[in-house]
Amino acid sequence: MGSGRSEARGAVDQKATTRGWRAALVEMLIILTLYVAYSSSRLFASDSLRPAQRRAAELLDIESALHLSWEGTINQVFVVSRGLSLFGSFWYATAHYLVTAVVLLWLYRRGHHLYAPARSALVIGTVIALVAYLLLPTAPPRLFGGYADVLALTSGDGWWGGDASAPKGLGGLTNQLAAFPSLHAGWALWVAIVLQQHAPAGGWGRWMRIGGWLHAVITGLVVIGTGNHWVADVLIGWLVIWMGFKIASGPALPRAREALQRLAHHAWIGRRPHGREAGLEEAAVAGGHQPGIEDGDHAAIRGGADQPTGPLRE
């Protein structure tokens, strides 16, 4: 009897591990899909430069009326300092991806109840920005005229080329008119909010929070200073991520998630065990082992599981 219980427990533990790896794979696919959509938006967006420049001019007029047209001053500060130019280029080409990925992984390891709402906020904010890229292609300062392209000036010192933050030779994979809003700024604010909400109290947690807000501020200055975004791009980038958090914490998203769970319950994700696997689970229950509770699989009790380069046309 003891060996039967041990075998049953091992089978249940193996199932829990499989479910964990499957959930991690799904999350990786979600983030990968998000990145691919972000990078490939150029395939669907207009690459006509003149309308994008006119839209940028309208944006600059609004900034001037609000006394927010600081791009020229900040850009010049970066240009006159070789060290600051290199720092800004490395930051722009690296931190946007690396820091966001590290925080996503850290939050995933903290638990699904913390990870899922934050990931949903990131996805929603990014999708809103992608819609803006498709409907409102806007030229960044470096393609507007009168502003220096800092990444192009420093491309000989790094892996990036003269086409935004794309590695050399891969500029064709970027949407150079995806300036409004700035997802560099938006994702950096997402990092700051997540660390503010979930970093441990005291000790290292305090420094994590400070680091998160410094990351958001530095990123905002870098994207403007390198000539890649307007001040308005940064502000609206922050806004779309704030909207993502609001929508993710609202009543509509849980209802949609419950509908997906019910669908998954009738699909392969929620399929019933068969054959030997089912017999082992029955033996585990008969032997006093409750896999759904002892293994922390509360979802099983509920009946579901959270489951431009190339020529720009004139």
C-alpha atoms as a PDB file:
ATOM      1  CA  MET A   1       0.000   0.000   0.000  1.00  0.00           C
ATOM      2  CA  GLY A   2       2.868   2.332   0.872  1.00  0.00           C
ATOM      3  CA  SER A   3       4.491   1.851  -2.509  1.00  0.00           C
ATOM      4  CA  GLY A   4       1.145   2.537  -4.208  1.00  0.00           C
ATOM      5  CA  ARG A   5       0.781   5.824  -2.334  1.00  0.00           C
ATOM      6  CA  SER A   6       4.351   6.801  -3.170  1.00  0.00           C
ATOM      7  CA  GLU A   7       3.798   6.017  -6.853  1.00  0.00           C
ATOM      8  CA  ALA A   8       0.552   7.983  -6.863  1.00  0.00           C
ATOM      9  CA  ARG A   9       2.171  10.966  -5.179  1.00  0.00           C
ATOM     10  CA  GLY A  10       5.025  10.865  -7.703  1.00  0.00           C
ATOM     11  CA  ALA A  11       2.577  10.836 -10.601  1.00  0.00           C
ATOM     12  CA  VAL A  12       0.655  13.784  -9.181  1.00  0.00           C
ATOM     13  CA  ASP A  13       3.867  15.723  -8.537  1.00  0.00           C
ATOM     14  CA  GLN A  14       4.960  15.032 -12.104  1.00  0.00           C
ATOM     15  CA  LYS A  15       1.641  16.376 -13.387  1.00  0.00           C
ATOM     16  CA  ALA A  16       2.058  19.539 -11.308  1.00  0.00           C
ATOM     17  CA  THR A  17       5.561  20.029 -12.705  1.00  0.00           C
ATOM     18  CA  THR A  18       4.274  19.525 -16.251  1.00  0.00           C
ATOM     19  CA  ARG A  19       1.542  22.092 -15.674  1.00  0.00           C
ATOM     20  CA  GLY A  20       4.144  24.522 -14.327  1.00  0.00           C
ATOM     21  CA  TRP A  21       6.379  24.165 -17.378  1.00  0.00           C
ATOM     22  CA  ARG A  22       3.348  24.449 -19.667  1.00  0.00           C
ATOM     23  CA  ALA A  23       2.274  27.687 -17.970  1.00  0.00           C
ATOM     24  CA  ALA A  24       5.815  29.082 -18.269  1.00  0.00           C
ATOM     25  CA  LEU A  25       5.894  28.182 -21.964  1.00  0.00           C
ATOM     26  CA  VAL A  26       2.561  29.919 -22.542  1.00  0.00           C
ATOM     27  CA  GLU A  27       3.878  33.064 -20.841  1.00  0.00           C
ATOM     28  CA  MET A  28       7.031  32.999 -22.965  1.00  0.00           C
ATOM     29  CA  LEU A  29       4.905  32.707 -26.108  1.00  0.00           C
ATOM     30  CA  ILE A  30       2.747  35.654 -25.004  1.00  0.00           C
ATOM     31  CA  ILE A  31       5.781  37.899 -24.486  1.00  0.00           C
ATOM     32  CA  LEU A  32       7.418  36.696 -27.707  1.00  0.00           C
ATOM     33  CA  THR A  33       4.220  37.406 -29.651  1.00  0.00           C
ATOM     34  CA  LEU A  34       4.076  40.857 -28.096  1.00  0.00           C
ATOM     35  CA  TYR A  35       7.676  41.587 -29.123  1.00  0.00           C
ATOM     36  CA  VAL A  36       7.132  40.281 -32.658  1.00  0.00           C
ATOM     37  CA  ALA A  37       4.009  42.432 -33.033  1.00  0.00           C
ATOM     38  CA  TYR A  38       5.943  45.439 -31.730  1.00  0.00           C
ATOM     39  CA  SER A  39       8.849  44.885 -34.104  1.00  0.00           C
ATOM     40  CA  SER A  40       6.823  43.938 -37.189  1.00  0.00           C
ATOM     41  CA  SER A  41       4.277  46.754 -37.001  1.00  0.00           C
ATOM     42  CA  ARG A  42       6.243  48.392 -39.849  1.00  0.00           C
ATOM     43  CA  LEU A  43       4.800  45.773 -42.212  1.00  0.00           C
ATOM     44  CA  PHE A  44       1.337  47.256 -41.765  1.00  0.00           C
ATOM     45  CA  ALA A  45       2.034  50.907 -40.935  1.00  0.00           C
ATOM     46  CA  SER A  46       2.496  53.616 -43.527  1.00  0.00           C
ATOM     47  CA  ASP A  47       6.127  54.528 -44.243  1.00  0.00           C
ATOM     48  CA  SER A  48       5.308  57.828 -45.924  1.00  0.00           C
ATOM     49  CA  LEU A  49       7.601  60.404 -44.349  1.00  0.00           C
ATOM     50  CA  ARG A  50       5.869  63.686 -45.267  1.00  0.00           C
ATOM     51  CA  PRO A  51       2.555  62.966 -43.467  1.00  0.00           C
ATOM     52  CA  ALA A  52       4.519  61.662 -40.476  1.00  0.00           C
ATOM     53  CA  GLN A  53       6.541  64.896 -40.383  1.00  0.00           C
ATOM     54  CA  ARG A  54       3.374  66.983 -40.575  1.00  0.00           C
ATOM     55  CA  ARG A  55       1.948  65.027 -37.661  1.00  0.00           C
ATOM     56  CA  ALA A  56       5.158  65.628 -35.714  1.00  0.00           C
ATOM     57  CA  ALA A  57       4.888  69.369 -36.467  1.00  0.00           C
ATOM     58  CA  GLU A  58       1.351  69.388 -35.061  1.00  0.00           C
ATOM     59  CA  LEU A  59       2.611  67.596 -31.959  1.00  0.00           C
ATOM     60  CA  LEU A  60       5.401  70.153 -31.579  1.00  0.00           C
ATOM     61  CA  ASP A  61       2.866  72.997 -31.846  1.00  0.00           C
ATOM     62  CA  ILE A  62       0.880  71.481 -28.969  1.00  0.00           C
ATOM     63  CA  GLU A  63       4.038  71.097 -26.904  1.00  0.00           C
ATOM     64  CA  SER A  64       5.007  74.718 -27.570  1.00  0.00           C
ATOM     65  CA  ALA A  65       1.588  75.918 -26.455  1.00  0.00           C
ATOM     66  CA  LEU A  66       2.039  73.933 -23.226  1.00  0.00           C
ATOM     67  CA  HIS A  67       5.698  75.042 -22.815  1.00  0.00           C
ATOM     68  CA  LEU A  68       6.889  71.432 -23.121  1.00  0.00           C
ATOM     69  CA  SER A  69       9.090  71.687 -26.226  1.00  0.00           C
ATOM     70  CA  TRP A  70      12.338  70.745 -24.488  1.00  0.00           C
ATOM     71  CA  GLU A  71      13.655  68.357 -27.164  1.00  0.00           C
ATOM     72  CA  GLY A  72      16.224  70.730 -28.681  1.00  0.00           C
ATOM     73  CA  THR A  73      17.882  71.542 -25.352  1.00  0.00           C
ATOM     74  CA  ILE A  74      18.003  67.937 -24.127  1.00  0.00           C
ATOM     75  CA  ASN A  75      19.252  66.685 -27.498  1.00  0.00           C
ATOM     76  CA  GLN A  76      22.096  69.228 -27.495  1.00  0.00           C
ATOM     77  CA  VAL A  77      23.150  68.202 -23.977  1.00  0.00           C
ATOM     78  CA  PHE A  78      23.638  64.646 -25.236  1.00  0.00           C
ATOM     79  CA  VAL A  79      25.375  65.700 -28.447  1.00  0.00           C
ATOM     80  CA  VAL A  80      28.048  67.887 -26.833  1.00  0.00           C
ATOM     81  CA  SER A  81      29.077  65.169 -24.361  1.00  0.00           C
ATOM     82  CA  ARG A  82      30.716  62.103 -25.880  1.00  0.00           C
ATOM     83  CA  GLY A  83      30.286  60.127 -22.671  1.00  0.00           C
ATOM     84  CA  LEU A  84      26.608  61.027 -22.371  1.00  0.00           C
ATOM     85  CA  SER A  85      26.031  60.156 -26.033  1.00  0.00           C
ATOM     86  CA  LEU A  86      27.519  56.694 -25.533  1.00  0.00           C
ATOM     87  CA  PHE A  87      25.621  56.174 -22.284  1.00  0.00           C
ATOM     88  CA  GLY A  88      22.343  57.206 -23.900  1.00  0.00           C
ATOM     89  CA  SER A  89      22.915  54.951 -26.904  1.00  0.00           C
ATOM     90  CA  PHE A  90      23.765  51.902 -24.801  1.00  0.00           C
ATOM     91  CA  TRP A  91      20.791  52.590 -22.522  1.00  0.00           C
ATOM     92  CA  TYR A  92      18.368  53.057 -25.417  1.00  0.00           C
ATOM     93  CA  ALA A  93      19.531  49.901 -27.214  1.00  0.00           C
ATOM     94  CA  THR A  94      19.665  47.679 -24.108  1.00  0.00           C
ATOM     95  CA  ALA A  95      17.687  48.667 -21.011  1.00  0.00           C
ATOM     96  CA  HIS A  96      14.301  48.704 -22.738  1.00  0.00           C
ATOM     97  CA  TYR A  97      14.485  44.958 -23.363  1.00  0.00           C
ATOM     98  CA  LEU A  98      16.797  43.658 -20.641  1.00  0.00           C
ATOM     99  CA  VAL A  99      15.286  45.376 -17.592  1.00  0.00           C
ATOM    100  CA  THR A 100      11.712  44.600 -18.629  1.00  0.00           C
ATOM    101  CA  ALA A 101      12.569  40.921 -19.187  1.00  0.00           C
ATOM    102  CA  VAL A 102      14.365  40.629 -15.827  1.00  0.00           C
ATOM    103  CA  VAL A 103      11.432  42.178 -13.941  1.00  0.00           C
ATOM    104  CA  LEU A 104       8.955  39.930 -15.774  1.00  0.00           C
ATOM    105  CA  LEU A 105      10.980  36.855 -14.754  1.00  0.00           C
ATOM    106  CA  TRP A 106      11.338  38.072 -11.160  1.00  0.00           C
ATOM    107  CA  LEU A 107       7.605  38.708 -10.901  1.00  0.00           C
ATOM    108  CA  TYR A 108       6.760  35.319 -12.444  1.00  0.00           C
ATOM    109  CA  ARG A 109       8.827  33.614  -9.777  1.00  0.00           C
ATOM    110  CA  ARG A 110       7.019  35.599  -7.080  1.00  0.00           C
ATOM    111  CA  GLY A 111       3.717  33.972  -8.036  1.00  0.00           C
ATOM    112  CA  HIS A 112       0.963  33.950 -10.626  1.00  0.00           C
ATOM    113  CA  HIS A 113      -1.321  36.152  -8.494  1.00  0.00           C
ATOM    114  CA  LEU A 114       1.232  38.985  -8.771  1.00  0.00           C
ATOM    115  CA  TYR A 115       2.495  38.222 -12.264  1.00  0.00           C
ATOM    116  CA  ALA A 116      -0.769  37.875 -14.199  1.00  0.00           C
ATOM    117  CA  PRO A 117      -2.233  41.381 -13.552  1.00  0.00           C
ATOM    118  CA  ALA A 118       1.115  43.081 -14.237  1.00  0.00           C
ATOM    119  CA  ARG A 119       1.660  41.098 -17.433  1.00  0.00           C
ATOM    120  CA  SER A 120      -1.868  41.936 -18.563  1.00  0.00           C
ATOM    121  CA  ALA A 121      -1.212  45.642 -17.954  1.00  0.00           C
ATOM    122  CA  LEU A 122       1.968  45.456 -20.064  1.00  0.00           C
ATOM    123  CA  VAL A 123       0.192  43.645 -22.899  1.00  0.00           C
ATOM    124  CA  ILE A 124      -2.797  46.006 -22.915  1.00  0.00           C
ATOM    125  CA  GLY A 125      -0.646  49.153 -22.857  1.00  0.00           C
ATOM    126  CA  THR A 126       1.546  47.794 -25.651  1.00  0.00           C
ATOM    127  CA  VAL A 127      -1.450  46.893 -27.819  1.00  0.00           C
ATOM    128  CA  ILE A 128      -2.857  50.414 -27.398  1.00  0.00           C
ATOM    129  CA  ALA A 129       0.500  51.823 -28.520  1.00  0.00           C
ATOM    130  CA  LEU A 130       0.641  49.482 -31.518  1.00  0.00           C
ATOM    131  CA  VAL A 131      -2.772  50.726 -32.645  1.00  0.00           C
ATOM    132  CA  ALA A 132      -1.450  54.298 -32.425  1.00  0.00           C
ATOM    133  CA  TYR A 133       1.589  53.322 -34.513  1.00  0.00           C
ATOM    134  CA  LEU A 134      -0.691  51.960 -37.217  1.00  0.00           C
ATOM    135  CA  LEU A 135      -3.149  54.866 -37.214  1.00  0.00           C
ATOM    136  CA  LEU A 136      -0.845  57.774 -36.382  1.00  0.00           C
ATOM    137  CA  PRO A 137       2.655  57.258 -37.847  1.00  0.00           C
ATOM    138  CA  THR A 138       4.733  60.119 -36.444  1.00  0.00           C
ATOM    139  CA  ALA A 139       8.269  61.135 -37.320  1.00  0.00           C
ATOM    140  CA  PRO A 140      10.710  61.228 -34.402  1.00  0.00           C
ATOM    141  CA  PRO A 141      12.924  64.306 -33.967  1.00  0.00           C
ATOM    142  CA  ARG A 142      15.846  62.602 -35.758  1.00  0.00           C
ATOM    143  CA  LEU A 143      13.713  62.335 -38.927  1.00  0.00           C
ATOM    144  CA  PHE A 144      12.078  65.735 -38.535  1.00  0.00           C
ATOM    145  CA  GLY A 145      15.059  67.982 -39.113  1.00  0.00           C
ATOM    146  CA  GLY A 146      17.073  70.143 -36.738  1.00  0.00           C
ATOM    147  CA  TYR A 147      17.801  67.366 -34.235  1.00  0.00           C
ATOM    148  CA  ALA A 148      20.817  65.056 -34.023  1.00  0.00           C
ATOM    149  CA  ASP A 149      20.480  61.278 -34.282  1.00  0.00           C
ATOM    150  CA  VAL A 150      22.704  60.274 -31.379  1.00  0.00           C
ATOM    151  CA  LEU A 151      22.529  56.518 -32.046  1.00  0.00           C
ATOM    152  CA  ALA A 152      23.676  57.089 -35.631  1.00  0.00           C
ATOM    153  CA  LEU A 153      26.552  59.275 -34.384  1.00  0.00           C
ATOM    154  CA  THR A 154      27.733  56.559 -31.984  1.00  0.00           C
ATOM    155  CA  SER A 155      26.927  53.486 -34.100  1.00  0.00           C
ATOM    156  CA  GLY A 156      30.614  52.819 -34.636  1.00  0.00           C
ATOM    157  CA  ASP A 157      31.005  52.143 -30.909  1.00  0.00           C
ATOM    158  CA  GLY A 158      28.191  49.625 -30.433  1.00  0.00           C
ATOM    159  CA  TRP A 159      26.046  46.922 -32.020  1.00  0.00           C
ATOM    160  CA  TRP A 160      23.272  49.298 -33.063  1.00  0.00           C
ATOM    161  CA  GLY A 161      23.070  50.872 -36.477  1.00  0.00           C
ATOM    162  CA  GLY A 162      21.644  54.201 -37.536  1.00  0.00           C
ATOM    163  CA  ASP A 163      18.079  52.887 -37.520  1.00  0.00           C
ATOM    164  CA  ALA A 164      16.715  53.389 -33.988  1.00  0.00           C
ATOM    165  CA  SER A 165      17.952  50.637 -31.645  1.00  0.00           C
ATOM    166  CA  ALA A 166      18.084  47.829 -34.216  1.00  0.00           C
ATOM    167  CA  PRO A 167      21.379  45.933 -34.512  1.00  0.00           C
ATOM    168  CA  LYS A 168      23.451  46.731 -37.565  1.00  0.00           C
ATOM    169  CA  GLY A 169      21.935  45.215 -40.673  1.00  0.00           C
ATOM    170  CA  LEU A 170      18.526  44.671 -39.060  1.00  0.00           C
ATOM    171  CA  GLY A 171      17.122  48.172 -39.425  1.00  0.00           C
ATOM    172  CA  GLY A 172      14.482  46.797 -41.776  1.00  0.00           C
ATOM    173  CA  LEU A 173      12.853  45.067 -38.803  1.00  0.00           C
ATOM    174  CA  THR A 174      12.008  48.346 -37.073  1.00  0.00           C
ATOM    175  CA  ASN A 175       9.199  50.822 -37.583  1.00  0.00           C
ATOM    176  CA  GLN A 176      11.036  54.141 -37.705  1.00  0.00           C
ATOM    177  CA  LEU A 177       7.793  56.125 -37.596  1.00  0.00           C
ATOM    178  CA  ALA A 178       6.624  54.452 -34.373  1.00  0.00           C
ATOM    179  CA  ALA A 179       7.388  57.486 -32.250  1.00  0.00           C
ATOM    180  CA  PHE A 180       3.982  58.241 -30.741  1.00  0.00           C
ATOM    181  CA  PRO A 181       3.712  57.012 -28.019  1.00  0.00           C
ATOM    182  CA  SER A 182       7.093  55.913 -26.645  1.00  0.00           C
ATOM    183  CA  LEU A 183       7.028  52.300 -25.479  1.00  0.00           C
ATOM    184  CA  HIS A 184      10.563  52.725 -24.194  1.00  0.00           C
ATOM    185  CA  ALA A 185       9.126  55.214 -21.713  1.00  0.00           C
ATOM    186  CA  GLY A 186       5.962  53.196 -21.166  1.00  0.00           C
ATOM    187  CA  TRP A 187       7.724  49.926 -20.382  1.00  0.00           C
ATOM    188  CA  ALA A 188      10.109  51.764 -18.052  1.00  0.00           C
ATOM    189  CA  LEU A 189       7.131  53.162 -16.117  1.00  0.00           C
ATOM    190  CA  TRP A 190       5.693  49.632 -15.977  1.00  0.00           C
ATOM    191  CA  VAL A 191       8.926  48.474 -14.315  1.00  0.00           C
ATOM    192  CA  ALA A 192       8.732  51.326 -11.783  1.00  0.00           C
ATOM    193  CA  ILE A 193       5.082  50.616 -10.892  1.00  0.00           C
ATOM    194  CA  VAL A 194       5.663  46.864 -10.546  1.00  0.00           C
ATOM    195  CA  LEU A 195       8.652  47.361  -8.251  1.00  0.00           C
ATOM    196  CA  GLN A 196       6.775  49.987  -6.251  1.00  0.00           C
ATOM    197  CA  GLN A 197       3.893  47.561  -5.713  1.00  0.00           C
ATOM    198  CA  HIS A 198       5.713  44.277  -5.198  1.00  0.00           C
ATOM    199  CA  ALA A 199       9.293  44.858  -4.027  1.00  0.00           C
ATOM    200  CA  PRO A 200       9.862  43.604  -0.465  1.00  0.00           C
ATOM    201  CA  ALA A 201       9.377  46.081   2.364  1.00  0.00           C
ATOM    202  CA  GLY A 202      12.602  47.599   3.693  1.00  0.00           C
ATOM    203  CA  GLY A 203      16.168  46.534   2.930  1.00  0.00           C
ATOM    204  CA  TRP A 204      16.755  45.739  -0.728  1.00  0.00           C
ATOM    205  CA  GLY A 205      13.113  46.439  -1.499  1.00  0.00           C
ATOM    206  CA  ARG A 206      13.625  50.140  -0.858  1.00  0.00           C
ATOM    207  CA  TRP A 207      16.536  50.271  -3.303  1.00  0.00           C
ATOM    208  CA  MET A 208      14.563  48.269  -5.864  1.00  0.00           C
ATOM    209  CA  ARG A 209      11.810  50.893  -5.749  1.00  0.00           C
ATOM    210  CA  ILE A 210      14.287  53.747  -6.090  1.00  0.00           C
ATOM    211  CA  GLY A 211      15.987  51.931  -8.964  1.00  0.00           C
ATOM    212  CA  GLY A 212      12.644  51.422 -10.706  1.00  0.00           C
ATOM    213  CA  TRP A 213      11.763  55.119 -10.650  1.00  0.00           C
ATOM    214  CA  LEU A 214      15.306  56.101 -11.686  1.00  0.00           C
ATOM    215  CA  HIS A 215      14.982  53.693 -14.614  1.00  0.00           C
ATOM    216  CA  ALA A 216      11.738  55.397 -15.696  1.00  0.00           C
ATOM    217  CA  VAL A 217      13.189  58.922 -15.417  1.00  0.00           C
ATOM    218  CA  ILE A 218      16.500  58.074 -17.116  1.00  0.00           C
ATOM    219  CA  THR A 219      14.700  56.289 -19.951  1.00  0.00           C
ATOM    220  CA  GLY A 220      12.437  59.298 -20.479  1.00  0.00           C
ATOM    221  CA  LEU A 221      15.446  61.606 -20.749  1.00  0.00           C
ATOM    222  CA  VAL A 222      17.413  59.190 -22.952  1.00  0.00           C
ATOM    223  CA  VAL A 223      14.691  58.682 -25.570  1.00  0.00           C
ATOM    224  CA  ILE A 224      14.366  62.467 -25.921  1.00  0.00           C
ATOM    225  CA  GLY A 225      18.089  63.204 -25.728  1.00  0.00           C
ATOM    226  CA  THR A 226      18.985  60.676 -28.429  1.00  0.00           C
ATOM    227  CA  GLY A 227      16.498  62.250 -30.843  1.00  0.00           C
ATOM    228  CA  ASN A 228      14.140  59.276 -30.922  1.00  0.00           C
ATOM    229  CA  HIS A 229      11.056  60.738 -29.216  1.00  0.00           C
ATOM    230  CA  TRP A 230       9.233  63.958 -28.444  1.00  0.00           C
ATOM    231  CA  VAL A 231       8.297  64.968 -24.913  1.00  0.00           C
ATOM    232  CA  ALA A 232       4.670  64.211 -25.781  1.00  0.00           C
ATOM    233  CA  ASP A 233       5.671  60.688 -26.837  1.00  0.00           C
ATOM    234  CA  VAL A 234       7.039  60.047 -23.358  1.00  0.00           C
ATOM    235  CA  LEU A 235       3.970  61.448 -21.597  1.00  0.00           C
ATOM    236  CA  ILE A 236       1.551  59.446 -23.735  1.00  0.00           C
ATOM    237  CA  GLY A 237       3.756  56.345 -23.361  1.00  0.00           C
ATOM    238  CA  TRP A 238       3.339  56.655 -19.607  1.00  0.00           C
ATOM    239  CA  LEU A 239      -0.384  57.203 -20.087  1.00  0.00           C
ATOM    240  CA  VAL A 240      -0.995  54.034 -22.117  1.00  0.00           C
ATOM    241  CA  ILE A 241       0.756  51.904 -19.488  1.00  0.00           C
ATOM    242  CA  TRP A 242      -1.311  53.577 -16.747  1.00  0.00           C
ATOM    243  CA  MET A 243      -4.393  52.745 -18.823  1.00  0.00           C
ATOM    244  CA  GLY A 244      -3.129  49.161 -19.069  1.00  0.00           C
ATOM    245  CA  PHE A 245      -3.013  48.868 -15.281  1.00  0.00           C
ATOM    246  CA  LYS A 246      -6.475  50.406 -14.959  1.00  0.00           C
ATOM    247  CA  ILE A 247      -8.011  48.063 -17.521  1.00  0.00           C
ATOM    248  CA  ALA A 248      -6.197  45.017 -16.105  1.00  0.00           C
ATOM    249  CA  SER A 249      -7.560  45.737 -12.622  1.00  0.00           C
ATOM    250  CA  GLY A 250     -11.094  46.526 -13.858  1.00  0.00           C
ATOM    251  CA  PRO A 251     -14.110  44.177 -14.024  1.00  0.00           C
ATOM    252  CA  ALA A 252     -13.952  43.431 -17.765  1.00  0.00           C
ATOM    253  CA  LEU A 253     -10.663  41.514 -17.746  1.00  0.00           C
ATOM    254  CA  PRO A 254     -11.622  38.980 -15.016  1.00  0.00           C
ATOM    255  CA  ARG A 255     -14.821  38.194 -16.923  1.00  0.00           C
ATOM    256  CA  ALA A 256     -12.834  37.599 -20.113  1.00  0.00           C
ATOM    257  CA  ARG A 257     -10.365  35.419 -18.194  1.00  0.00           C
ATOM    258  CA  GLU A 258     -13.206  33.334 -16.725  1.00  0.00           C
ATOM    259  CA  ALA A 259     -14.622  32.808 -20.208  1.00  0.00           C
ATOM    260  CA  LEU A 260     -11.226  31.605 -21.430  1.00  0.00           C
ATOM    261  CA  GLN A 261     -10.960  29.284 -18.425  1.00  0.00           C
ATOM    262  CA  ARG A 262     -14.326  27.717 -19.205  1.00  0.00           C
ATOM    263  CA  LEU A 263     -13.243  27.239 -22.808  1.00  0.00           C
ATOM    264  CA  ALA A 264      -9.937  25.720 -21.699  1.00  0.00           C
ATOM    265  CA  HIS A 265     -11.795  23.364 -19.345  1.00  0.00           C
ATOM    266  CA  HIS A 266     -13.438  21.743 -22.377  1.00  0.00           C
ATOM    267  CA  ALA A 267     -10.271  21.812 -24.476  1.00  0.00           C
ATOM    268  CA  TRP A 268      -6.988  19.940 -24.064  1.00  0.00           C
ATOM    269  CA  ILE A 269      -5.754  22.187 -21.233  1.00  0.00           C
ATOM    270  CA  GLY A 270      -8.655  21.088 -19.041  1.00  0.00           C
ATOM    271  CA  ARG A 271      -8.926  17.506 -20.258  1.00  0.00           C
ATOM    272  CA  ARG A 272      -9.612  14.715 -17.808  1.00  0.00           C
ATOM    273  CA  PRO A 273      -6.827  12.178 -17.038  1.00  0.00           C
ATOM    274  CA  HIS A 274      -7.057   8.842 -18.777  1.00  0.00           C
ATOM    275  CA  GLY A 275      -5.966   5.269 -18.219  1.00  0.00           C
ATOM    276  CA  ARG A 276      -3.131   4.616 -15.793  1.00  0.00           C
ATOM    277  CA  GLU A 277      -2.867   8.329 -14.889  1.00  0.00           C
ATOM    278  CA  ALA A 278      -6.521   8.410 -13.794  1.00  0.00           C
ATOM    279  CA  GLY A 279      -6.120   5.215 -11.768  1.00  0.00           C
ATOM    280  CA  LEU A 280      -3.118   6.676  -9.952  1.00  0.00           C
ATOM    281  CA  GLU A 281      -5.036   9.843  -9.077  1.00  0.00           C
ATOM    282  CA  GLU A 282      -7.942   7.764  -7.745  1.00  0.00           C
ATOM    283  CA  ALA A 283      -5.500   5.742  -5.663  1.00  0.00           C
ATOM    284  CA  ALA A 284      -4.000   8.950  -4.310  1.00  0.00           C
ATOM    285  CA  VAL A 285      -7.399  10.236  -3.216  1.00  0.00           C
ATOM    286  CA  ALA A 286      -8.337   6.867  -1.708  1.00  0.00           C
ATOM    287  CA  GLY A 287      -5.071   6.915   0.206  1.00  0.00           C
ATOM    288  CA  GLY A 288      -5.831  10.298   1.737  1.00  0.00           C
ATOM    289  CA  HIS A 289      -3.736  12.391  -0.685  1.00  0.00           C
ATOM    290  CA  GLN A 290      -5.594  15.452  -1.983  1.00  0.00           C
ATOM    291  CA  PRO A 291      -3.522  16.640  -4.964  1.00  0.00           C
ATOM    292  CA  GLY A 292      -5.570  19.722  -5.623  1.00  0.00           C
ATOM    293  CA  ILE A 293      -4.985  21.061  -2.111  1.00  0.00           C
ATOM    294  CA  GLU A 294      -1.653  19.676  -0.923  1.00  0.00           C
ATOM    295  CA  ASP A 295       0.121  20.578  -4.165  1.00  0.00           C
ATOM    296  CA  GLY A 296      -1.272  24.094  -4.179  1.00  0.00           C
ATOM    297  CA  ASP A 297      -3.376  23.410  -7.284  1.00  0.00           C
ATOM    298  CA  HIS A 298      -6.351  25.471  -6.135  1.00  0.00           C
ATOM    299  CA  ALA A 299      -7.329  26.139  -9.752  1.00  0.00           C
ATOM    300  CA  ALA A 300      -8.195  22.442 -10.063  1.00  0.00           C
ATOM    301  CA  ILE A 301     -10.744  22.808  -7.236  1.00  0.00           C
ATOM    302  CA  ARG A 302     -12.303  25.789  -8.989  1.00  0.00           C
ATOM    303  CA  GLY A 303     -12.581  23.868 -12.238  1.00  0.00           C
ATOM    304  CA  GLY A 304     -10.252  25.984 -14.353  1.00  0.00           C
ATOM    305  CA  ALA A 305      -6.691  27.265 -14.718  1.00  0.00           C
ATOM    306  CA  ASP A 306      -5.376  30.734 -15.314  1.00  0.00           C
ATOM    307  CA  GLN A 307      -4.404  29.963 -18.233  1.00  0.00           C
ATOM    308  CA  PRO A 308      12.544  52.318 -41.029  1.00  0.00           C
ATOM    309  CA  THR A 309      14.994  51.187 -42.954  1.00  0.00           C
ATOM    310  CA  GLY A 310      14.869  50.994 -46.563  1.00  0.00           C
ATOM    311  CA  PRO A 311      13.848  54.149 -48.289  1.00  0.00           C
ATOM    312  CA  LEU A 312      11.157  56.133 -46.556  1.00  0.00           C
ATOM    313  CA  ARG A 313       8.812  57.564 -49.107  1.00  0.00           C
ATOM    314  CA  GLU A 314       8.739  61.333 -49.371  1.00  0.00           C
END
